[in-house]
Amino acid sequence: LIGAPAQSLVFTGCATEANNLALLGVARACPPGKRHLVISAVEHP
């Protein structure tokens, strides 16, 4: 449905969990010198 390889998809309990995994999961994997995040002012909670 989104034009992606099947192996790239991770099932979660909801979109909120997926968003948390995206932001916090990337943050956990970042090197110390990469600690800046950019989002829009109208993002979902």
PDB file of all heavy atoms in Angstrom:
ATOM      1  N   LEU A   1       0.819  -1.215   0.000  1.00  0.00           N
ATOM      2  CA  LEU A   1       0.000   0.000   0.000  1.00  0.00           C
ATOM      3  C   LEU A   1       0.851   1.262   0.000  1.00  0.00           C
ATOM      4  O   LEU A   1       0.439   2.293  -0.535  1.00  0.00           O
ATOM      5  CB  LEU A   1      -0.933  -0.013   1.220  1.00  0.00           C
ATOM      6  CG  LEU A   1      -1.901   1.157   1.375  1.00  0.00           C
ATOM      7  CD1 LEU A   1      -2.874   1.240   0.200  1.00  0.00           C
ATOM      8  CD2 LEU A   1      -2.660   1.039   2.700  1.00  0.00           C
ATOM      9  N   ILE A   2       2.052   1.191   0.587  1.00  0.00           N
ATOM     10  CA  ILE A   2       2.915   2.370   0.644  1.00  0.00           C
ATOM     11  C   ILE A   2       4.156   2.221  -0.242  1.00  0.00           C
ATOM     12  O   ILE A   2       5.084   3.020  -0.143  1.00  0.00           O
ATOM     13  CB  ILE A   2       3.331   2.682   2.101  1.00  0.00           C
ATOM     14  CG1 ILE A   2       4.145   1.542   2.703  1.00  0.00           C
ATOM     15  CG2 ILE A   2       2.108   2.991   2.947  1.00  0.00           C
ATOM     16  CD1 ILE A   2       4.760   1.883   4.060  1.00  0.00           C
ATOM     17  N   GLY A   3       4.179   1.188  -1.077  1.00  0.00           N
ATOM     18  CA  GLY A   3       5.295   1.008  -2.009  1.00  0.00           C
ATOM     19  C   GLY A   3       6.599   0.642  -1.344  1.00  0.00           C
ATOM     20  O   GLY A   3       7.673   1.041  -1.805  1.00  0.00           O
ATOM     21  N   ALA A   4       6.521  -0.124  -0.259  1.00  0.00           N
ATOM     22  CA  ALA A   4       7.719  -0.456   0.517  1.00  0.00           C
ATOM     23  C   ALA A   4       8.017  -1.946   0.452  1.00  0.00           C
ATOM     24  O   ALA A   4       7.120  -2.762   0.247  1.00  0.00           O
ATOM     25  CB  ALA A   4       7.524  -0.040   1.971  1.00  0.00           C
ATOM     26  N   PRO A   5       9.264  -2.344   0.647  1.00  0.00           N
ATOM     27  CA  PRO A   5       9.580  -3.767   0.795  1.00  0.00           C
ATOM     28  C   PRO A   5       8.960  -4.297   2.074  1.00  0.00           C
ATOM     29  O   PRO A   5       8.928  -3.602   3.099  1.00  0.00           O
ATOM     30  CB  PRO A   5      11.112  -3.792   0.877  1.00  0.00           C
ATOM     31  CG  PRO A   5      11.566  -2.440   0.428  1.00  0.00           C
ATOM     32  CD  PRO A   5      10.456  -1.490   0.733  1.00  0.00           C
ATOM     33  N   ALA A   6       8.463  -5.521   2.049  1.00  0.00           N
ATOM     34  CA  ALA A   6       7.786  -6.080   3.212  1.00  0.00           C
ATOM     35  C   ALA A   6       8.688  -6.109   4.437  1.00  0.00           C
ATOM     36  O   ALA A   6       8.241  -5.839   5.558  1.00  0.00           O
ATOM     37  CB  ALA A   6       7.278  -7.479   2.891  1.00  0.00           C
ATOM     38  N   GLN A   7       9.958  -6.408   4.239  1.00  0.00           N
ATOM     39  CA  GLN A   7      10.869  -6.539   5.383  1.00  0.00           C
ATOM     40  C   GLN A   7      11.152  -5.210   6.077  1.00  0.00           C
ATOM     41  O   GLN A   7      11.735  -5.185   7.169  1.00  0.00           O
ATOM     42  CB  GLN A   7      12.187  -7.188   4.954  1.00  0.00           C
ATOM     43  CG  GLN A   7      13.039  -6.363   4.009  1.00  0.00           C
ATOM     44  CD  GLN A   7      12.721  -6.609   2.547  1.00  0.00           C
ATOM     45  OE1 GLN A   7      11.651  -7.125   2.225  1.00  0.00           O
ATOM     46  NE2 GLN A   7      13.655  -6.282   1.671  1.00  0.00           N
ATOM     47  N   SER A   8      10.719  -4.106   5.478  1.00  0.00           N
ATOM     48  CA  SER A   8      10.964  -2.795   6.084  1.00  0.00           C
ATOM     49  C   SER A   8       9.865  -2.383   7.051  1.00  0.00           C
ATOM     50  O   SER A   8       9.945  -1.320   7.671  1.00  0.00           O
ATOM     51  CB  SER A   8      11.091  -1.727   4.992  1.00  0.00           C
ATOM     52  OG  SER A   8       9.853  -1.560   4.319  1.00  0.00           O
ATOM     53  N   LEU A   9       8.832  -3.208   7.202  1.00  0.00           N
ATOM     54  CA  LEU A   9       7.668  -2.839   7.988  1.00  0.00           C
ATOM     55  C   LEU A   9       7.720  -3.480   9.372  1.00  0.00           C
ATOM     56  O   LEU A   9       7.920  -4.681   9.507  1.00  0.00           O
ATOM     57  CB  LEU A   9       6.389  -3.282   7.264  1.00  0.00           C
ATOM     58  CG  LEU A   9       5.139  -2.448   7.521  1.00  0.00           C
ATOM     59  CD1 LEU A   9       5.297  -1.057   6.926  1.00  0.00           C
ATOM     60  CD2 LEU A   9       3.920  -3.136   6.926  1.00  0.00           C
ATOM     61  N   VAL A  10       7.526  -2.658  10.400  1.00  0.00           N
ATOM     62  CA  VAL A  10       7.481  -3.125  11.788  1.00  0.00           C
ATOM     63  C   VAL A  10       6.070  -2.902  12.314  1.00  0.00           C
ATOM     64  O   VAL A  10       5.578  -1.768  12.328  1.00  0.00           O
ATOM     65  CB  VAL A  10       8.486  -2.345  12.660  1.00  0.00           C
ATOM     66  CG1 VAL A  10       8.372  -2.774  14.124  1.00  0.00           C
ATOM     67  CG2 VAL A  10       9.905  -2.532  12.150  1.00  0.00           C
ATOM     68  N   PHE A  11       5.394  -3.964  12.737  1.00  0.00           N
ATOM     69  CA  PHE A  11       4.055  -3.816  13.293  1.00  0.00           C
ATOM     70  C   PHE A  11       4.139  -3.311  14.732  1.00  0.00           C
ATOM     71  O   PHE A  11       4.987  -3.739  15.520  1.00  0.00           O
ATOM     72  CB  PHE A  11       3.291  -5.139  13.248  1.00  0.00           C
ATOM     73  CG  PHE A  11       2.863  -5.542  11.862  1.00  0.00           C
ATOM     74  CD1 PHE A  11       3.260  -6.754  11.322  1.00  0.00           C
ATOM     75  CD2 PHE A  11       2.064  -4.709  11.102  1.00  0.00           C
ATOM     76  CE1 PHE A  11       2.865  -7.135  10.050  1.00  0.00           C
ATOM     77  CE2 PHE A  11       1.667  -5.068   9.815  1.00  0.00           C
ATOM     78  CZ  PHE A  11       2.077  -6.288   9.297  1.00  0.00           C
ATOM     79  N   THR A  12       3.231  -2.395  15.069  1.00  0.00           N
ATOM     80  CA  THR A  12       3.173  -1.806  16.404  1.00  0.00           C
ATOM     81  C   THR A  12       1.737  -1.890  16.922  1.00  0.00           C
ATOM     82  O   THR A  12       0.830  -2.323  16.207  1.00  0.00           O
ATOM     83  CB  THR A  12       3.616  -0.334  16.380  1.00  0.00           C
ATOM     84  OG1 THR A  12       2.685   0.423  15.577  1.00  0.00           O
ATOM     85  CG2 THR A  12       5.020  -0.191  15.812  1.00  0.00           C
ATOM     86  N   GLY A  13       1.541  -1.423  18.149  1.00  0.00           N
ATOM     87  CA  GLY A  13       0.210  -1.447  18.724  1.00  0.00           C
ATOM     88  C   GLY A  13      -0.666  -0.287  18.293  1.00  0.00           C
ATOM     89  O   GLY A  13      -1.882  -0.329  18.466  1.00  0.00           O
ATOM     90  N   CYS A  14      -0.078   0.755  17.723  1.00  0.00           N
ATOM     91  CA  CYS A  14      -0.826   1.926  17.281  1.00  0.00           C
ATOM     92  C   CYS A  14       0.143   2.901  16.619  1.00  0.00           C
ATOM     93  O   CYS A  14       1.359   2.684  16.642  1.00  0.00           O
ATOM     94  CB  CYS A  14      -1.532   2.611  18.453  1.00  0.00           C
ATOM     95  SG  CYS A  14      -0.421   3.112  19.786  1.00  0.00           S
ATOM     96  N   ALA A  15      -0.396   3.977  16.057  1.00  0.00           N
ATOM     97  CA  ALA A  15       0.456   4.986  15.439  1.00  0.00           C
ATOM     98  C   ALA A  15       1.265   5.751  16.477  1.00  0.00           C
ATOM     99  O   ALA A  15       2.400   6.161  16.210  1.00  0.00           O
ATOM    100  CB  ALA A  15      -0.393   5.958  14.619  1.00  0.00           C
ATOM    101  N   THR A  16       0.705   5.956  17.653  1.00  0.00           N
ATOM    102  CA  THR A  16       1.454   6.642  18.710  1.00  0.00           C
ATOM    103  C   THR A  16       2.714   5.865  19.054  1.00  0.00           C
ATOM    104  O   THR A  16       3.797   6.453  19.216  1.00  0.00           O
ATOM    105  CB  THR A  16       0.578   6.822  19.964  1.00  0.00           C
ATOM    106  OG1 THR A  16      -0.475   7.739  19.659  1.00  0.00           O
ATOM    107  CG2 THR A  16       1.383   7.351  21.136  1.00  0.00           C
ATOM    108  N   GLU A  17       2.592   4.551  19.166  1.00  0.00           N
ATOM    109  CA  GLU A  17       3.776   3.744  19.432  1.00  0.00           C
ATOM    110  C   GLU A  17       4.775   3.846  18.283  1.00  0.00           C
ATOM    111  O   GLU A  17       5.992   3.938  18.507  1.00  0.00           O
ATOM    112  CB  GLU A  17       3.390   2.285  19.650  1.00  0.00           C
ATOM    113  CG  GLU A  17       4.581   1.408  19.998  1.00  0.00           C
ATOM    114  CD  GLU A  17       4.254  -0.066  20.079  1.00  0.00           C
ATOM    115  OE1 GLU A  17       3.063  -0.419  20.231  1.00  0.00           O
ATOM    116  OE2 GLU A  17       5.195  -0.874  19.979  1.00  0.00           O
ATOM    117  N   ALA A  18       4.277   3.832  17.052  1.00  0.00           N
ATOM    118  CA  ALA A  18       5.165   3.936  15.899  1.00  0.00           C
ATOM    119  C   ALA A  18       5.909   5.267  15.896  1.00  0.00           C
ATOM    120  O   ALA A  18       7.108   5.329  15.599  1.00  0.00           O
ATOM    121  CB  ALA A  18       4.366   3.763  14.605  1.00  0.00           C
ATOM    122  N   ASN A  19       5.205   6.352  16.222  1.00  0.00           N
ATOM    123  CA  ASN A  19       5.860   7.663  16.280  1.00  0.00           C
ATOM    124  C   ASN A  19       6.909   7.710  17.389  1.00  0.00           C
ATOM    125  O   ASN A  19       7.999   8.262  17.216  1.00  0.00           O
ATOM    126  CB  ASN A  19       4.821   8.764  16.504  1.00  0.00           C
ATOM    127  CG  ASN A  19       4.064   9.120  15.242  1.00  0.00           C
ATOM    128  OD1 ASN A  19       4.569   8.961  14.135  1.00  0.00           O
ATOM    129  ND2 ASN A  19       2.839   9.586  15.398  1.00  0.00           N
ATOM    130  N   ASN A  20       6.578   7.144  18.541  1.00  0.00           N
ATOM    131  CA  ASN A  20       7.548   7.108  19.635  1.00  0.00           C
ATOM    132  C   ASN A  20       8.768   6.276  19.261  1.00  0.00           C
ATOM    133  O   ASN A  20       9.906   6.654  19.563  1.00  0.00           O
ATOM    134  CB  ASN A  20       6.892   6.554  20.899  1.00  0.00           C
ATOM    135  CG  ASN A  20       6.182   7.618  21.712  1.00  0.00           C
ATOM    136  OD1 ASN A  20       6.715   8.115  22.697  1.00  0.00           O
ATOM    137  ND2 ASN A  20       4.990   7.993  21.276  1.00  0.00           N
ATOM    138  N   LEU A  21       8.535   5.152  18.591  1.00  0.00           N
ATOM    139  CA  LEU A  21       9.652   4.323  18.154  1.00  0.00           C
ATOM    140  C   LEU A  21      10.518   5.080  17.160  1.00  0.00           C
ATOM    141  O   LEU A  21      11.758   5.011  17.217  1.00  0.00           O
ATOM    142  CB  LEU A  21       9.133   3.027  17.539  1.00  0.00           C
ATOM    143  CG  LEU A  21      10.177   2.075  16.946  1.00  0.00           C
ATOM    144  CD1 LEU A  21      11.235   1.685  17.971  1.00  0.00           C
ATOM    145  CD2 LEU A  21       9.495   0.827  16.369  1.00  0.00           C
ATOM    146  N   ALA A  22       9.889   5.820  16.251  1.00  0.00           N
ATOM    147  CA  ALA A  22      10.645   6.578  15.259  1.00  0.00           C
ATOM    148  C   ALA A  22      11.537   7.623  15.921  1.00  0.00           C
ATOM    149  O   ALA A  22      12.746   7.690  15.663  1.00  0.00           O
ATOM    150  CB  ALA A  22       9.695   7.234  14.262  1.00  0.00           C
ATOM    151  N   LEU A  23      10.961   8.449  16.783  1.00  0.00           N
ATOM    152  CA  LEU A  23      11.729   9.545  17.376  1.00  0.00           C
ATOM    153  C   LEU A  23      12.700   9.053  18.449  1.00  0.00           C
ATOM    154  O   LEU A  23      13.899   9.358  18.401  1.00  0.00           O
ATOM    155  CB  LEU A  23      10.794  10.594  17.963  1.00  0.00           C
ATOM    156  CG  LEU A  23      10.336  11.702  16.995  1.00  0.00           C
ATOM    157  CD1 LEU A  23       9.461  11.148  15.887  1.00  0.00           C
ATOM    158  CD2 LEU A  23       9.602  12.814  17.737  1.00  0.00           C
ATOM    159  N   LEU A  24      12.188   8.288  19.386  1.00  0.00           N
ATOM    160  CA  LEU A  24      13.042   7.855  20.494  1.00  0.00           C
ATOM    161  C   LEU A  24      14.006   6.769  20.050  1.00  0.00           C
ATOM    162  O   LEU A  24      15.144   6.697  20.550  1.00  0.00           O
ATOM    163  CB  LEU A  24      12.180   7.365  21.655  1.00  0.00           C
ATOM    164  CG  LEU A  24      11.156   8.366  22.203  1.00  0.00           C
ATOM    165  CD1 LEU A  24      10.401   7.765  23.380  1.00  0.00           C
ATOM    166  CD2 LEU A  24      11.808   9.681  22.595  1.00  0.00           C
ATOM    167  N   GLY A  25      13.571   5.920  19.113  1.00  0.00           N
ATOM    168  CA  GLY A  25      14.457   4.875  18.614  1.00  0.00           C
ATOM    169  C   GLY A  25      15.627   5.431  17.825  1.00  0.00           C
ATOM    170  O   GLY A  25      16.763   4.959  17.959  1.00  0.00           O
ATOM    171  N   VAL A  26      15.371   6.444  17.014  1.00  0.00           N
ATOM    172  CA  VAL A  26      16.463   7.102  16.295  1.00  0.00           C
ATOM    173  C   VAL A  26      17.367   7.825  17.288  1.00  0.00           C
ATOM    174  O   VAL A  26      18.603   7.798  17.170  1.00  0.00           O
ATOM    175  CB  VAL A  26      15.903   8.076  15.236  1.00  0.00           C
ATOM    176  CG1 VAL A  26      16.990   9.034  14.743  1.00  0.00           C
ATOM    177  CG2 VAL A  26      15.318   7.304  14.052  1.00  0.00           C
ATOM    178  N   ALA A  27      16.769   8.477  18.269  1.00  0.00           N
ATOM    179  CA  ALA A  27      17.566   9.201  19.273  1.00  0.00           C
ATOM    180  C   ALA A  27      18.515   8.254  20.000  1.00  0.00           C
ATOM    181  O   ALA A  27      19.670   8.618  20.277  1.00  0.00           O
ATOM    182  CB  ALA A  27      16.645   9.903  20.262  1.00  0.00           C
ATOM    183  N   ARG A  28      18.057   7.063  20.317  1.00  0.00           N
ATOM    184  CA  ARG A  28      18.900   6.093  21.027  1.00  0.00           C
ATOM    185  C   ARG A  28      20.072   5.626  20.163  1.00  0.00           C
ATOM    186  O   ARG A  28      21.110   5.220  20.687  1.00  0.00           O
ATOM    187  CB  ARG A  28      18.082   4.872  21.453  1.00  0.00           C
ATOM    188  CG  ARG A  28      17.069   5.148  22.543  1.00  0.00           C
ATOM    189  CD  ARG A  28      16.592   3.853  23.187  1.00  0.00           C
ATOM    190  NE  ARG A  28      17.682   3.239  23.938  1.00  0.00           N
ATOM    191  CZ  ARG A  28      18.033   1.954  23.836  1.00  0.00           C
ATOM    192  NH1 ARG A  28      17.409   1.156  22.988  1.00  0.00           N
ATOM    193  NH2 ARG A  28      19.018   1.465  24.571  1.00  0.00           N
ATOM    194  N   ALA A  29      19.883   5.679  18.840  1.00  0.00           N
ATOM    195  CA  ALA A  29      20.933   5.191  17.939  1.00  0.00           C
ATOM    196  C   ALA A  29      21.877   6.279  17.472  1.00  0.00           C
ATOM    197  O   ALA A  29      22.858   5.997  16.775  1.00  0.00           O
ATOM    198  CB  ALA A  29      20.278   4.513  16.726  1.00  0.00           C
ATOM    199  N   CYS A  30      21.598   7.536  17.827  1.00  0.00           N
ATOM    200  CA  CYS A  30      22.400   8.652  17.318  1.00  0.00           C
ATOM    201  C   CYS A  30      23.720   8.800  18.069  1.00  0.00           C
ATOM    202  O   CYS A  30      23.783   8.572  19.276  1.00  0.00           O
ATOM    203  CB  CYS A  30      21.615   9.957  17.437  1.00  0.00           C
ATOM    204  SG  CYS A  30      20.372  10.139  16.166  1.00  0.00           S
ATOM    205  N   PRO A  31      24.756   9.244  17.382  1.00  0.00           N
ATOM    206  CA  PRO A  31      26.021   9.555  18.066  1.00  0.00           C
ATOM    207  C   PRO A  31      25.857  10.805  18.918  1.00  0.00           C
ATOM    208  O   PRO A  31      24.929  11.602  18.712  1.00  0.00           O
ATOM    209  CB  PRO A  31      26.989   9.787  16.903  1.00  0.00           C
ATOM    210  CG  PRO A  31      26.129  10.187  15.754  1.00  0.00           C
ATOM    211  CD  PRO A  31      24.850   9.441  15.917  1.00  0.00           C
ATOM    212  N   PRO A  32      26.744  11.030  19.871  1.00  0.00           N
ATOM    213  CA  PRO A  32      26.620  12.165  20.797  1.00  0.00           C
ATOM    214  C   PRO A  32      26.538  13.525  20.114  1.00  0.00           C
ATOM    215  O   PRO A  32      25.906  14.441  20.637  1.00  0.00           O
ATOM    216  CB  PRO A  32      27.883  12.049  21.661  1.00  0.00           C
ATOM    217  CG  PRO A  32      28.269  10.609  21.577  1.00  0.00           C
ATOM    218  CD  PRO A  32      27.897  10.163  20.194  1.00  0.00           C
ATOM    219  N   GLY A  33      27.157  13.672  18.958  1.00  0.00           N
ATOM    220  CA  GLY A  33      27.154  14.972  18.297  1.00  0.00           C
ATOM    221  C   GLY A  33      25.901  15.284  17.518  1.00  0.00           C
ATOM    222  O   GLY A  33      25.783  16.351  16.928  1.00  0.00           O
ATOM    223  N   LYS A  34      24.949  14.346  17.502  1.00  0.00           N
ATOM    224  CA  LYS A  34      23.700  14.548  16.769  1.00  0.00           C
ATOM    225  C   LYS A  34      22.547  14.549  17.759  1.00  0.00           C
ATOM    226  O   LYS A  34      21.955  13.515  18.081  1.00  0.00           O
ATOM    227  CB  LYS A  34      23.514  13.410  15.752  1.00  0.00           C
ATOM    228  CG  LYS A  34      24.444  13.464  14.567  1.00  0.00           C
ATOM    229  CD  LYS A  34      23.900  14.430  13.517  1.00  0.00           C
ATOM    230  CE  LYS A  34      24.545  14.223  12.163  1.00  0.00           C
ATOM    231  NZ  LYS A  34      23.921  15.068  11.125  1.00  0.00           N
ATOM    232  N   ARG A  35      22.222  15.746  18.238  1.00  0.00           N
ATOM    233  CA  ARG A  35      21.173  15.831  19.264  1.00  0.00           C
ATOM    234  C   ARG A  35      20.261  17.034  19.012  1.00  0.00           C
ATOM    235  O   ARG A  35      19.899  17.782  19.927  1.00  0.00           O
ATOM    236  CB  ARG A  35      21.795  15.898  20.665  1.00  0.00           C
ATOM    237  CG  ARG A  35      22.483  14.593  21.065  1.00  0.00           C
ATOM    238  CD  ARG A  35      23.204  14.722  22.392  1.00  0.00           C
ATOM    239  NE  ARG A  35      22.303  14.986  23.510  1.00  0.00           N
ATOM    240  CZ  ARG A  35      21.633  14.051  24.181  1.00  0.00           C
ATOM    241  NH1 ARG A  35      21.744  12.774  23.835  1.00  0.00           N
ATOM    242  NH2 ARG A  35      20.863  14.371  25.203  1.00  0.00           N
ATOM    243  N   HIS A  36      19.890  17.190  17.755  1.00  0.00           N
ATOM    244  CA  HIS A  36      18.965  18.265  17.378  1.00  0.00           C
ATOM    245  C   HIS A  36      17.835  17.669  16.556  1.00  0.00           C
ATOM    246  O   HIS A  36      18.073  16.844  15.665  1.00  0.00           O
ATOM    247  CB  HIS A  36      19.690  19.350  16.572  1.00  0.00           C
ATOM    248  CG  HIS A  36      18.780  20.442  16.089  1.00  0.00           C
ATOM    249  ND1 HIS A  36      18.707  20.797  14.759  1.00  0.00           N
ATOM    250  CD2 HIS A  36      17.917  21.262  16.736  1.00  0.00           C
ATOM    251  CE1 HIS A  36      17.849  21.786  14.619  1.00  0.00           C
ATOM    252  NE2 HIS A  36      17.361  22.092  15.811  1.00  0.00           N
ATOM    253  N   LEU A  37      16.611  18.093  16.842  1.00  0.00           N
ATOM    254  CA  LEU A  37      15.407  17.573  16.198  1.00  0.00           C
ATOM    255  C   LEU A  37      14.596  18.725  15.631  1.00  0.00           C
ATOM    256  O   LEU A  37      14.447  19.764  16.273  1.00  0.00           O
ATOM    257  CB  LEU A  37      14.581  16.797  17.230  1.00  0.00           C
ATOM    258  CG  LEU A  37      13.206  16.279  16.838  1.00  0.00           C
ATOM    259  CD1 LEU A  37      13.318  15.209  15.756  1.00  0.00           C
ATOM    260  CD2 LEU A  37      12.494  15.704  18.073  1.00  0.00           C
ATOM    261  N   VAL A  38      14.057  18.540  14.420  1.00  0.00           N
ATOM    262  CA  VAL A  38      13.222  19.554  13.764  1.00  0.00           C
ATOM    263  C   VAL A  38      11.843  18.960  13.497  1.00  0.00           C
ATOM    264  O   VAL A  38      11.735  17.884  12.899  1.00  0.00           O
ATOM    265  CB  VAL A  38      13.849  20.017  12.433  1.00  0.00           C
ATOM    266  CG1 VAL A  38      12.930  21.023  11.728  1.00  0.00           C
ATOM    267  CG2 VAL A  38      15.224  20.621  12.662  1.00  0.00           C
ATOM    268  N   ILE A  39      10.791  19.645  13.954  1.00  0.00           N
ATOM    269  CA  ILE A  39       9.420  19.225  13.668  1.00  0.00           C
ATOM    270  C   ILE A  39       8.603  20.471  13.310  1.00  0.00           C
ATOM    271  O   ILE A  39       9.051  21.598  13.503  1.00  0.00           O
ATOM    272  CB  ILE A  39       8.766  18.499  14.855  1.00  0.00           C
ATOM    273  CG1 ILE A  39       8.559  19.450  16.041  1.00  0.00           C
ATOM    274  CG2 ILE A  39       9.603  17.286  15.281  1.00  0.00           C
ATOM    275  CD1 ILE A  39       7.772  18.824  17.195  1.00  0.00           C
ATOM    276  N   SER A  40       7.393  20.268  12.819  1.00  0.00           N
ATOM    277  CA  SER A  40       6.524  21.407  12.530  1.00  0.00           C
ATOM    278  C   SER A  40       5.740  21.790  13.769  1.00  0.00           C
ATOM    279  O   SER A  40       5.614  21.008  14.727  1.00  0.00           O
ATOM    280  CB  SER A  40       5.559  21.081  11.384  1.00  0.00           C
ATOM    281  OG  SER A  40       4.433  20.358  11.860  1.00  0.00           O
ATOM    282  N   ALA A  41       5.168  22.972  13.743  1.00  0.00           N
ATOM    283  CA  ALA A  41       4.399  23.477  14.874  1.00  0.00           C
ATOM    284  C   ALA A  41       3.014  22.858  14.962  1.00  0.00           C
ATOM    285  O   ALA A  41       2.281  23.117  15.927  1.00  0.00           O
ATOM    286  CB  ALA A  41       4.261  24.997  14.778  1.00  0.00           C
ATOM    287  N   VAL A  42       2.623  22.037  13.976  1.00  0.00           N
ATOM    288  CA  VAL A  42       1.270  21.468  13.967  1.00  0.00           C
ATOM    289  C   VAL A  42       1.301  19.945  14.041  1.00  0.00           C
ATOM    290  O   VAL A  42       0.353  19.279  13.631  1.00  0.00           O
ATOM    291  CB  VAL A  42       0.485  21.918  12.716  1.00  0.00           C
ATOM    292  CG1 VAL A  42       0.208  23.415  12.767  1.00  0.00           C
ATOM    293  CG2 VAL A  42       1.217  21.553  11.427  1.00  0.00           C
ATOM    294  N   GLU A  43       2.382  19.385  14.568  1.00  0.00           N
ATOM    295  CA  GLU A  43       2.445  17.932  14.680  1.00  0.00           C
ATOM    296  C   GLU A  43       1.417  17.398  15.679  1.00  0.00           C
ATOM    297  O   GLU A  43       1.032  18.088  16.621  1.00  0.00           O
ATOM    298  CB  GLU A  43       3.844  17.489  15.103  1.00  0.00           C
ATOM    299  CG  GLU A  43       4.920  17.771  14.091  1.00  0.00           C
ATOM    300  CD  GLU A  43       4.694  17.069  12.756  1.00  0.00           C
ATOM    301  OE1 GLU A  43       4.337  15.870  12.763  1.00  0.00           O
ATOM    302  OE2 GLU A  43       4.878  17.739  11.712  1.00  0.00           O
ATOM    303  N   HIS A  44       1.012  16.153  15.463  1.00  0.00           N
ATOM    304  CA  HIS A  44       0.115  15.464  16.389  1.00  0.00           C
ATOM    305  C   HIS A  44       0.838  15.298  17.729  1.00  0.00           C
ATOM    306  O   HIS A  44       2.068  15.209  17.768  1.00  0.00           O
ATOM    307  CB  HIS A  44      -0.247  14.101  15.809  1.00  0.00           C
ATOM    308  CG  HIS A  44      -1.333  13.386  16.549  1.00  0.00           C
ATOM    309  ND1 HIS A  44      -1.088  12.627  17.667  1.00  0.00           N
ATOM    310  CD2 HIS A  44      -2.667  13.307  16.322  1.00  0.00           C
ATOM    311  CE1 HIS A  44      -2.222  12.111  18.105  1.00  0.00           C
ATOM    312  NE2 HIS A  44      -3.194  12.504  17.306  1.00  0.00           N
ATOM    313  N   PRO A  45       0.088  15.255  18.848  1.00  0.00           N
ATOM    314  CA  PRO A  45       0.748  15.025  20.140  1.00  0.00           C
ATOM    315  C   PRO A  45       1.618  13.771  20.183  1.00  0.00           C
ATOM    316  O   PRO A  45       2.570  13.713  20.977  1.00  0.00           O
ATOM    317  CB  PRO A  45      -0.436  14.911  21.113  1.00  0.00           C
ATOM    318  CG  PRO A  45      -1.503  15.738  20.491  1.00  0.00           C
ATOM    319  CD  PRO A  45      -1.350  15.564  19.012  1.00  0.00           C
TER     320      PRO A  45
END
